Amino acid sequence: MTHVLLTGFEPFDGSGVNPSWQAVRLAATTSPEGVSLTTVMLPVVFHDAIERLRTAVEESGADVVVCVGQAGGRPGITVERVAINLDDARIPDNQGAQPVDEPVVVGGPAAYFSTLPVKACVAAVREAGLPASVSHTAGTFLCNHVFYGLMHLLASGRPGVRGGFVHVPYLPEQVPGGDQPSMSVQAIADALTAIVSTAVTTTADLKETGGALH
């Protein structure tokens, strides 16, 4: 049995919903065969989120950790490739903190790469009939903060545990005017299931283009 920790975020910035947590909860109802799923909702609060994640990793005994966050405006599922050691918050977190040009971890490396098979995960989501791509930036808000915190945690004392981050679009109810891309919670959950299945069964990534020109 492979133990997988799947995390989403609480709502933030005045919204009453966060698609990452909605989809994580739904995905957990249909765990892939041979996978034991644990789900945790993280606060949109700098540093508290990493501490909550650290506790969840320890308590779950996870072999694979997939953190999920909202990327409003993106048209599909984006599997993140790199986390940077930078907090530069355009908006405050849920407790009013708004760090500018601060490190996630003082003295930590400039960046970490995901240890998930990023391109294989993208391919699996596309095979499920959903739009997906590799992303080379997780932003500089809580998503990147947690992604970097996760990778630093794993690199600092969790040998053999693999992890990474996935961004998901808005839900339709978040864009009632239809002026931005959105995806149903069921579709997002299906994408997460495909990613978890791939992350558990695949260690060597695909050797195909997934880069960007800008």
C-alpha atoms as a PDB file:
ATOM      1  CA  MET A   1       0.000   0.000   0.000  1.00  0.00           C
ATOM      2  CA  THR A   2       1.353   3.419  -0.978  1.00  0.00           C
ATOM      3  CA  HIS A   3       0.450   6.269   1.345  1.00  0.00           C
ATOM      4  CA  VAL A   4      -0.350   9.556  -0.369  1.00  0.00           C
ATOM      5  CA  LEU A   5      -0.955  12.902   1.318  1.00  0.00           C
ATOM      6  CA  LEU A   6      -3.142  15.234  -0.725  1.00  0.00           C
ATOM      7  CA  THR A   7      -3.560  18.819   0.480  1.00  0.00           C
ATOM      8  CA  GLY A   8      -5.711  21.781  -0.543  1.00  0.00           C
ATOM      9  CA  PHE A   9      -6.192  25.301   0.790  1.00  0.00           C
ATOM     10  CA  GLU A  10      -8.956  27.083   2.641  1.00  0.00           C
ATOM     11  CA  PRO A  11     -10.721  29.965   0.822  1.00  0.00           C
ATOM     12  CA  PHE A  12      -8.912  33.300   0.665  1.00  0.00           C
ATOM     13  CA  ASP A  13      -9.130  36.848  -0.686  1.00  0.00           C
ATOM     14  CA  GLY A  14     -12.817  37.125   0.144  1.00  0.00           C
ATOM     15  CA  SER A  15     -13.935  34.001  -1.725  1.00  0.00           C
ATOM     16  CA  GLY A  16     -16.248  31.507  -0.061  1.00  0.00           C
ATOM     17  CA  VAL A  17     -14.708  28.508  -1.793  1.00  0.00           C
ATOM     18  CA  ASN A  18     -11.336  27.182  -2.864  1.00  0.00           C
ATOM     19  CA  PRO A  19     -11.382  24.648  -5.726  1.00  0.00           C
ATOM     20  CA  SER A  20      -8.203  22.998  -4.481  1.00  0.00           C
ATOM     21  CA  TRP A  21      -9.849  21.766  -1.279  1.00  0.00           C
ATOM     22  CA  GLN A  22     -13.171  20.985  -2.948  1.00  0.00           C
ATOM     23  CA  ALA A  23     -11.433  18.782  -5.505  1.00  0.00           C
ATOM     24  CA  VAL A  24      -9.081  17.158  -2.984  1.00  0.00           C
ATOM     25  CA  ARG A  25     -12.043  16.082  -0.859  1.00  0.00           C
ATOM     26  CA  LEU A  26     -13.829  14.648  -3.880  1.00  0.00           C
ATOM     27  CA  ALA A  27     -10.737  12.893  -5.201  1.00  0.00           C
ATOM     28  CA  ALA A  28     -10.299  11.192  -1.829  1.00  0.00           C
ATOM     29  CA  THR A  29     -13.613   9.365  -2.277  1.00  0.00           C
ATOM     30  CA  THR A  30     -12.179   7.303  -5.161  1.00  0.00           C
ATOM     31  CA  SER A  31      -8.626   6.377  -4.212  1.00  0.00           C
ATOM     32  CA  PRO A  32      -6.678   4.485  -6.902  1.00  0.00           C
ATOM     33  CA  GLU A  33      -6.144   0.804  -6.188  1.00  0.00           C
ATOM     34  CA  GLY A  34      -3.243   0.202  -3.830  1.00  0.00           C
ATOM     35  CA  VAL A  35      -3.256   3.799  -2.593  1.00  0.00           C
ATOM     36  CA  SER A  36      -4.189   5.022   0.892  1.00  0.00           C
ATOM     37  CA  LEU A  37      -5.124   8.714   0.696  1.00  0.00           C
ATOM     38  CA  THR A  38      -4.933  11.235   3.517  1.00  0.00           C
ATOM     39  CA  THR A  39      -6.288  14.748   2.935  1.00  0.00           C
ATOM     40  CA  VAL A  40      -5.543  17.943   4.824  1.00  0.00           C
ATOM     41  CA  MET A  41      -6.757  21.505   4.354  1.00  0.00           C
ATOM     42  CA  LEU A  42      -3.975  24.051   4.804  1.00  0.00           C
ATOM     43  CA  PRO A  43      -4.534  27.602   6.067  1.00  0.00           C
ATOM     44  CA  VAL A  44      -3.766  30.497   3.735  1.00  0.00           C
ATOM     45  CA  VAL A  45      -1.364  31.852   6.323  1.00  0.00           C
ATOM     46  CA  PHE A  46       2.375  32.202   5.808  1.00  0.00           C
ATOM     47  CA  HIS A  47       4.451  29.738   7.858  1.00  0.00           C
ATOM     48  CA  ASP A  48       1.387  28.293   9.622  1.00  0.00           C
ATOM     49  CA  ALA A  49       0.625  26.459   6.378  1.00  0.00           C
ATOM     50  CA  ILE A  50       4.068  24.863   6.323  1.00  0.00           C
ATOM     51  CA  GLU A  51       3.782  23.824   9.966  1.00  0.00           C
ATOM     52  CA  ARG A  52       0.389  22.237   9.288  1.00  0.00           C
ATOM     53  CA  LEU A  53       1.900  20.460   6.294  1.00  0.00           C
ATOM     54  CA  ARG A  54       4.887  19.264   8.332  1.00  0.00           C
ATOM     55  CA  THR A  55       2.586  17.733  10.934  1.00  0.00           C
ATOM     56  CA  ALA A  56       0.474  16.068   8.251  1.00  0.00           C
ATOM     57  CA  VAL A  57       3.525  14.544   6.559  1.00  0.00           C
ATOM     58  CA  GLU A  58       4.738  13.136   9.860  1.00  0.00           C
ATOM     59  CA  GLU A  59       1.366  11.794  10.967  1.00  0.00           C
ATOM     60  CA  SER A  60       0.367  10.299   7.616  1.00  0.00           C
ATOM     61  CA  GLY A  61       3.619   8.462   6.952  1.00  0.00           C
ATOM     62  CA  ALA A  62       3.244   9.571   3.347  1.00  0.00           C
ATOM     63  CA  ASP A  63       5.331   8.106   0.542  1.00  0.00           C
ATOM     64  CA  VAL A  64       4.089  10.760  -1.895  1.00  0.00           C
ATOM     65  CA  VAL A  65       2.836  14.274  -1.163  1.00  0.00           C
ATOM     66  CA  VAL A  66       0.787  16.276  -3.671  1.00  0.00           C
ATOM     67  CA  CYS A  67      -0.149  19.804  -2.637  1.00  0.00           C
ATOM     68  CA  VAL A  68      -2.874  21.557  -4.614  1.00  0.00           C
ATOM     69  CA  GLY A  69      -3.745  25.230  -4.956  1.00  0.00           C
ATOM     70  CA  GLN A  70      -5.904  27.618  -6.952  1.00  0.00           C
ATOM     71  CA  ALA A  71      -4.494  29.469  -9.958  1.00  0.00           C
ATOM     72  CA  GLY A  72      -7.365  31.681 -11.056  1.00  0.00           C
ATOM     73  CA  GLY A  73      -7.133  32.560 -14.727  1.00  0.00           C
ATOM     74  CA  ARG A  74      -5.264  29.476 -15.836  1.00  0.00           C
ATOM     75  CA  PRO A  75      -7.293  27.430 -18.332  1.00  0.00           C
ATOM     76  CA  GLY A  76      -6.238  23.959 -17.217  1.00  0.00           C
ATOM     77  CA  ILE A  77      -4.422  21.802 -14.701  1.00  0.00           C
ATOM     78  CA  THR A  78      -0.816  22.913 -14.302  1.00  0.00           C
ATOM     79  CA  VAL A  79       1.775  20.678 -12.676  1.00  0.00           C
ATOM     80  CA  GLU A  80       4.503  22.806 -11.147  1.00  0.00           C
ATOM     81  CA  ARG A  81       8.139  22.111 -11.869  1.00  0.00           C
ATOM     82  CA  VAL A  82      10.080  24.453  -9.579  1.00  0.00           C
ATOM     83  CA  ALA A  83       9.617  26.225  -6.224  1.00  0.00           C
ATOM     84  CA  ILE A  84      11.637  29.337  -5.369  1.00  0.00           C
ATOM     85  CA  ASN A  85      12.794  30.613  -1.992  1.00  0.00           C
ATOM     86  CA  LEU A  86      10.783  33.831  -2.140  1.00  0.00           C
ATOM     87  CA  ASP A  87       7.673  35.287  -0.531  1.00  0.00           C
ATOM     88  CA  ASP A  88       6.426  38.416  -2.308  1.00  0.00           C
ATOM     89  CA  ALA A  89       2.725  38.697  -1.541  1.00  0.00           C
ATOM     90  CA  ARG A  90       0.561  40.822  -3.847  1.00  0.00           C
ATOM     91  CA  ILE A  91      -2.326  40.421  -1.372  1.00  0.00           C
ATOM     92  CA  PRO A  92      -2.398  39.721   2.398  1.00  0.00           C
ATOM     93  CA  ASP A  93      -2.849  36.202   3.705  1.00  0.00           C
ATOM     94  CA  ASN A  94      -5.866  35.291   5.845  1.00  0.00           C
ATOM     95  CA  GLN A  95      -4.273  36.835   8.934  1.00  0.00           C
ATOM     96  CA  GLY A  96      -3.197  40.041   7.219  1.00  0.00           C
ATOM     97  CA  ALA A  97       0.472  39.187   6.697  1.00  0.00           C
ATOM     98  CA  GLN A  98       1.966  40.421   3.438  1.00  0.00           C
ATOM     99  CA  PRO A  99       5.689  39.609   3.257  1.00  0.00           C
ATOM    100  CA  VAL A 100       7.671  41.345   0.546  1.00  0.00           C
ATOM    101  CA  ASP A 101      10.955  39.968  -0.797  1.00  0.00           C
ATOM    102  CA  GLU A 102      11.451  37.588   2.116  1.00  0.00           C
ATOM    103  CA  PRO A 103      12.805  34.027   1.938  1.00  0.00           C
ATOM    104  CA  VAL A 104      10.518  31.104   2.641  1.00  0.00           C
ATOM    105  CA  VAL A 105      13.399  29.474   4.510  1.00  0.00           C
ATOM    106  CA  VAL A 106      16.263  31.661   5.674  1.00  0.00           C
ATOM    107  CA  GLY A 107      19.496  30.226   4.302  1.00  0.00           C
ATOM    108  CA  GLY A 108      17.698  27.708   2.112  1.00  0.00           C
ATOM    109  CA  PRO A 109      18.642  27.018  -1.502  1.00  0.00           C
ATOM    110  CA  ALA A 110      17.355  29.395  -4.177  1.00  0.00           C
ATOM    111  CA  ALA A 111      15.034  26.733  -5.583  1.00  0.00           C
ATOM    112  CA  TYR A 112      13.899  23.117  -5.526  1.00  0.00           C
ATOM    113  CA  PHE A 113      12.580  20.995  -8.361  1.00  0.00           C
ATOM    114  CA  SER A 114       9.506  18.823  -7.909  1.00  0.00           C
ATOM    115  CA  THR A 115      10.329  15.167  -7.380  1.00  0.00           C
ATOM    116  CA  LEU A 116       7.122  14.043  -9.067  1.00  0.00           C
ATOM    117  CA  PRO A 117       7.174  12.893 -12.718  1.00  0.00           C
ATOM    118  CA  VAL A 118       5.840  16.259 -13.867  1.00  0.00           C
ATOM    119  CA  LYS A 119       5.532  15.600 -17.600  1.00  0.00           C
ATOM    120  CA  ALA A 120       4.101  12.120 -17.071  1.00  0.00           C
ATOM    121  CA  CYS A 121       1.466  13.617 -14.769  1.00  0.00           C
ATOM    122  CA  VAL A 122       0.540  16.173 -17.421  1.00  0.00           C
ATOM    123  CA  ALA A 123       0.261  13.416 -20.012  1.00  0.00           C
ATOM    124  CA  ALA A 124      -2.008  11.386 -17.726  1.00  0.00           C
ATOM    125  CA  VAL A 125      -4.376  14.319 -17.237  1.00  0.00           C
ATOM    126  CA  ARG A 126      -4.500  14.897 -20.988  1.00  0.00           C
ATOM    127  CA  GLU A 127      -5.216  11.217 -21.555  1.00  0.00           C
ATOM    128  CA  ALA A 128      -8.184  11.659 -19.228  1.00  0.00           C
ATOM    129  CA  GLY A 129      -9.483  14.262 -21.676  1.00  0.00           C
ATOM    130  CA  LEU A 130      -8.645  17.357 -19.631  1.00  0.00           C
ATOM    131  CA  PRO A 131      -6.368  20.313 -20.434  1.00  0.00           C
ATOM    132  CA  ALA A 132      -3.019  20.258 -18.661  1.00  0.00           C
ATOM    133  CA  SER A 133       0.478  21.642 -18.987  1.00  0.00           C
ATOM    134  CA  VAL A 134       3.798  21.990 -17.180  1.00  0.00           C
ATOM    135  CA  SER A 135       4.194  25.250 -15.248  1.00  0.00           C
ATOM    136  CA  HIS A 136       7.535  26.819 -14.412  1.00  0.00           C
ATOM    137  CA  THR A 137       6.243  29.275 -11.838  1.00  0.00           C
ATOM    138  CA  ALA A 138       4.079  28.664  -8.800  1.00  0.00           C
ATOM    139  CA  GLY A 139       3.906  32.407  -8.092  1.00  0.00           C
ATOM    140  CA  THR A 140       5.205  34.041  -4.928  1.00  0.00           C
ATOM    141  CA  PHE A 141       2.168  33.695  -2.645  1.00  0.00           C
ATOM    142  CA  LEU A 142       1.044  30.778  -0.464  1.00  0.00           C
ATOM    143  CA  CYS A 143       1.186  28.136  -3.206  1.00  0.00           C
ATOM    144  CA  ASN A 144       4.876  28.636  -3.885  1.00  0.00           C
ATOM    145  CA  HIS A 145       5.446  29.117  -0.136  1.00  0.00           C
ATOM    146  CA  VAL A 146       3.981  25.680   0.602  1.00  0.00           C
ATOM    147  CA  PHE A 147       5.617  24.066  -2.432  1.00  0.00           C
ATOM    148  CA  TYR A 148       9.051  25.310  -1.359  1.00  0.00           C
ATOM    149  CA  GLY A 149       8.369  24.418   2.262  1.00  0.00           C
ATOM    150  CA  LEU A 150       7.393  20.899   1.248  1.00  0.00           C
ATOM    151  CA  MET A 151      10.472  20.327  -0.872  1.00  0.00           C
ATOM    152  CA  HIS A 152      12.751  21.753   1.830  1.00  0.00           C
ATOM    153  CA  LEU A 153      11.134  19.472   4.395  1.00  0.00           C
ATOM    154  CA  LEU A 154      11.598  16.401   2.209  1.00  0.00           C
ATOM    155  CA  ALA A 155      15.180  17.331   1.315  1.00  0.00           C
ATOM    156  CA  SER A 156      16.043  17.920   4.962  1.00  0.00           C
ATOM    157  CA  GLY A 157      15.057  14.586   6.407  1.00  0.00           C
ATOM    158  CA  ARG A 158      12.483  12.613   4.454  1.00  0.00           C
ATOM    159  CA  PRO A 159      14.579  10.451   2.126  1.00  0.00           C
ATOM    160  CA  GLY A 160      12.533   8.475  -0.343  1.00  0.00           C
ATOM    161  CA  VAL A 161       9.413  10.631   0.012  1.00  0.00           C
ATOM    162  CA  ARG A 162       8.502  12.382  -3.238  1.00  0.00           C
ATOM    163  CA  GLY A 163       6.437  15.509  -3.555  1.00  0.00           C
ATOM    164  CA  GLY A 164       5.241  18.356  -5.706  1.00  0.00           C
ATOM    165  CA  PHE A 165       2.538  20.904  -6.393  1.00  0.00           C
ATOM    166  CA  VAL A 166      -0.440  21.174  -8.737  1.00  0.00           C
ATOM    167  CA  HIS A 167      -2.409  24.309  -9.636  1.00  0.00           C
ATOM    168  CA  VAL A 168      -6.074  24.114 -10.618  1.00  0.00           C
ATOM    169  CA  PRO A 169      -8.449  26.632 -12.274  1.00  0.00           C
ATOM    170  CA  TYR A 170     -11.425  28.443 -10.836  1.00  0.00           C
ATOM    171  CA  LEU A 171     -14.727  26.632 -10.353  1.00  0.00           C
ATOM    172  CA  PRO A 172     -17.605  27.842 -12.595  1.00  0.00           C
ATOM    173  CA  GLU A 173     -19.379  29.417  -9.617  1.00  0.00           C
ATOM    174  CA  GLN A 174     -16.343  31.617  -9.008  1.00  0.00           C
ATOM    175  CA  VAL A 175     -16.695  33.219 -12.429  1.00  0.00           C
ATOM    176  CA  PRO A 176     -20.453  33.663 -12.931  1.00  0.00           C
ATOM    177  CA  GLY A 177     -19.827  36.113 -15.749  1.00  0.00           C
ATOM    178  CA  GLY A 178     -17.840  33.515 -17.640  1.00  0.00           C
ATOM    179  CA  ASP A 179     -15.051  36.006 -18.273  1.00  0.00           C
ATOM    180  CA  GLN A 180     -12.297  33.675 -17.018  1.00  0.00           C
ATOM    181  CA  PRO A 181     -11.547  29.976 -17.543  1.00  0.00           C
ATOM    182  CA  SER A 182     -13.067  27.500 -15.127  1.00  0.00           C
ATOM    183  CA  MET A 183     -13.395  23.758 -14.581  1.00  0.00           C
ATOM    184  CA  SER A 184     -15.904  21.645 -12.673  1.00  0.00           C
ATOM    185  CA  VAL A 185     -14.896  20.201  -9.337  1.00  0.00           C
ATOM    186  CA  GLN A 186     -15.470  16.697 -10.734  1.00  0.00           C
ATOM    187  CA  ALA A 187     -13.100  17.332 -13.633  1.00  0.00           C
ATOM    188  CA  ILE A 188     -10.452  18.699 -11.279  1.00  0.00           C
ATOM    189  CA  ALA A 189     -10.873  15.701  -8.979  1.00  0.00           C
ATOM    190  CA  ASP A 190     -10.508  13.352 -11.971  1.00  0.00           C
ATOM    191  CA  ALA A 191      -7.294  15.149 -12.914  1.00  0.00           C
ATOM    192  CA  LEU A 192      -5.944  14.783  -9.375  1.00  0.00           C
ATOM    193  CA  THR A 193      -6.740  11.071  -9.414  1.00  0.00           C
ATOM    194  CA  ALA A 194      -4.776  10.707 -12.660  1.00  0.00           C
ATOM    195  CA  ILE A 195      -1.867  12.635 -11.153  1.00  0.00           C
ATOM    196  CA  VAL A 196      -1.824  10.574  -7.958  1.00  0.00           C
ATOM    197  CA  SER A 197      -1.944   7.307  -9.918  1.00  0.00           C
ATOM    198  CA  THR A 198       0.936   8.446 -12.109  1.00  0.00           C
ATOM    199  CA  ALA A 199       2.999   9.787  -9.223  1.00  0.00           C
ATOM    200  CA  VAL A 200       2.679   6.470  -7.381  1.00  0.00           C
ATOM    201  CA  THR A 201       3.538   4.232 -10.330  1.00  0.00           C
ATOM    202  CA  THR A 202       6.089   6.354 -12.230  1.00  0.00           C
ATOM    203  CA  THR A 203       9.523   7.486 -11.105  1.00  0.00           C
ATOM    204  CA  ALA A 204      11.268   8.203 -14.427  1.00  0.00           C
ATOM    205  CA  ASP A 205       9.656  11.173 -16.174  1.00  0.00           C
ATOM    206  CA  LEU A 206       8.835  11.393 -19.860  1.00  0.00           C
ATOM    207  CA  LYS A 207      11.533  12.827 -22.134  1.00  0.00           C
ATOM    208  CA  GLU A 208       9.442  15.228 -24.156  1.00  0.00           C
ATOM    209  CA  THR A 209       9.067  18.961 -24.511  1.00  0.00           C
ATOM    210  CA  GLY A 210       7.255  20.798 -21.771  1.00  0.00           C
ATOM    211  CA  GLY A 211       9.137  24.066 -21.837  1.00  0.00           C
ATOM    212  CA  ALA A 212       7.987  27.610 -22.419  1.00  0.00           C
ATOM    213  CA  LEU A 213       9.203  30.548 -24.497  1.00  0.00           C
ATOM    214  CA  HIS A 214       8.248  33.112 -21.878  1.00  0.00           C
END
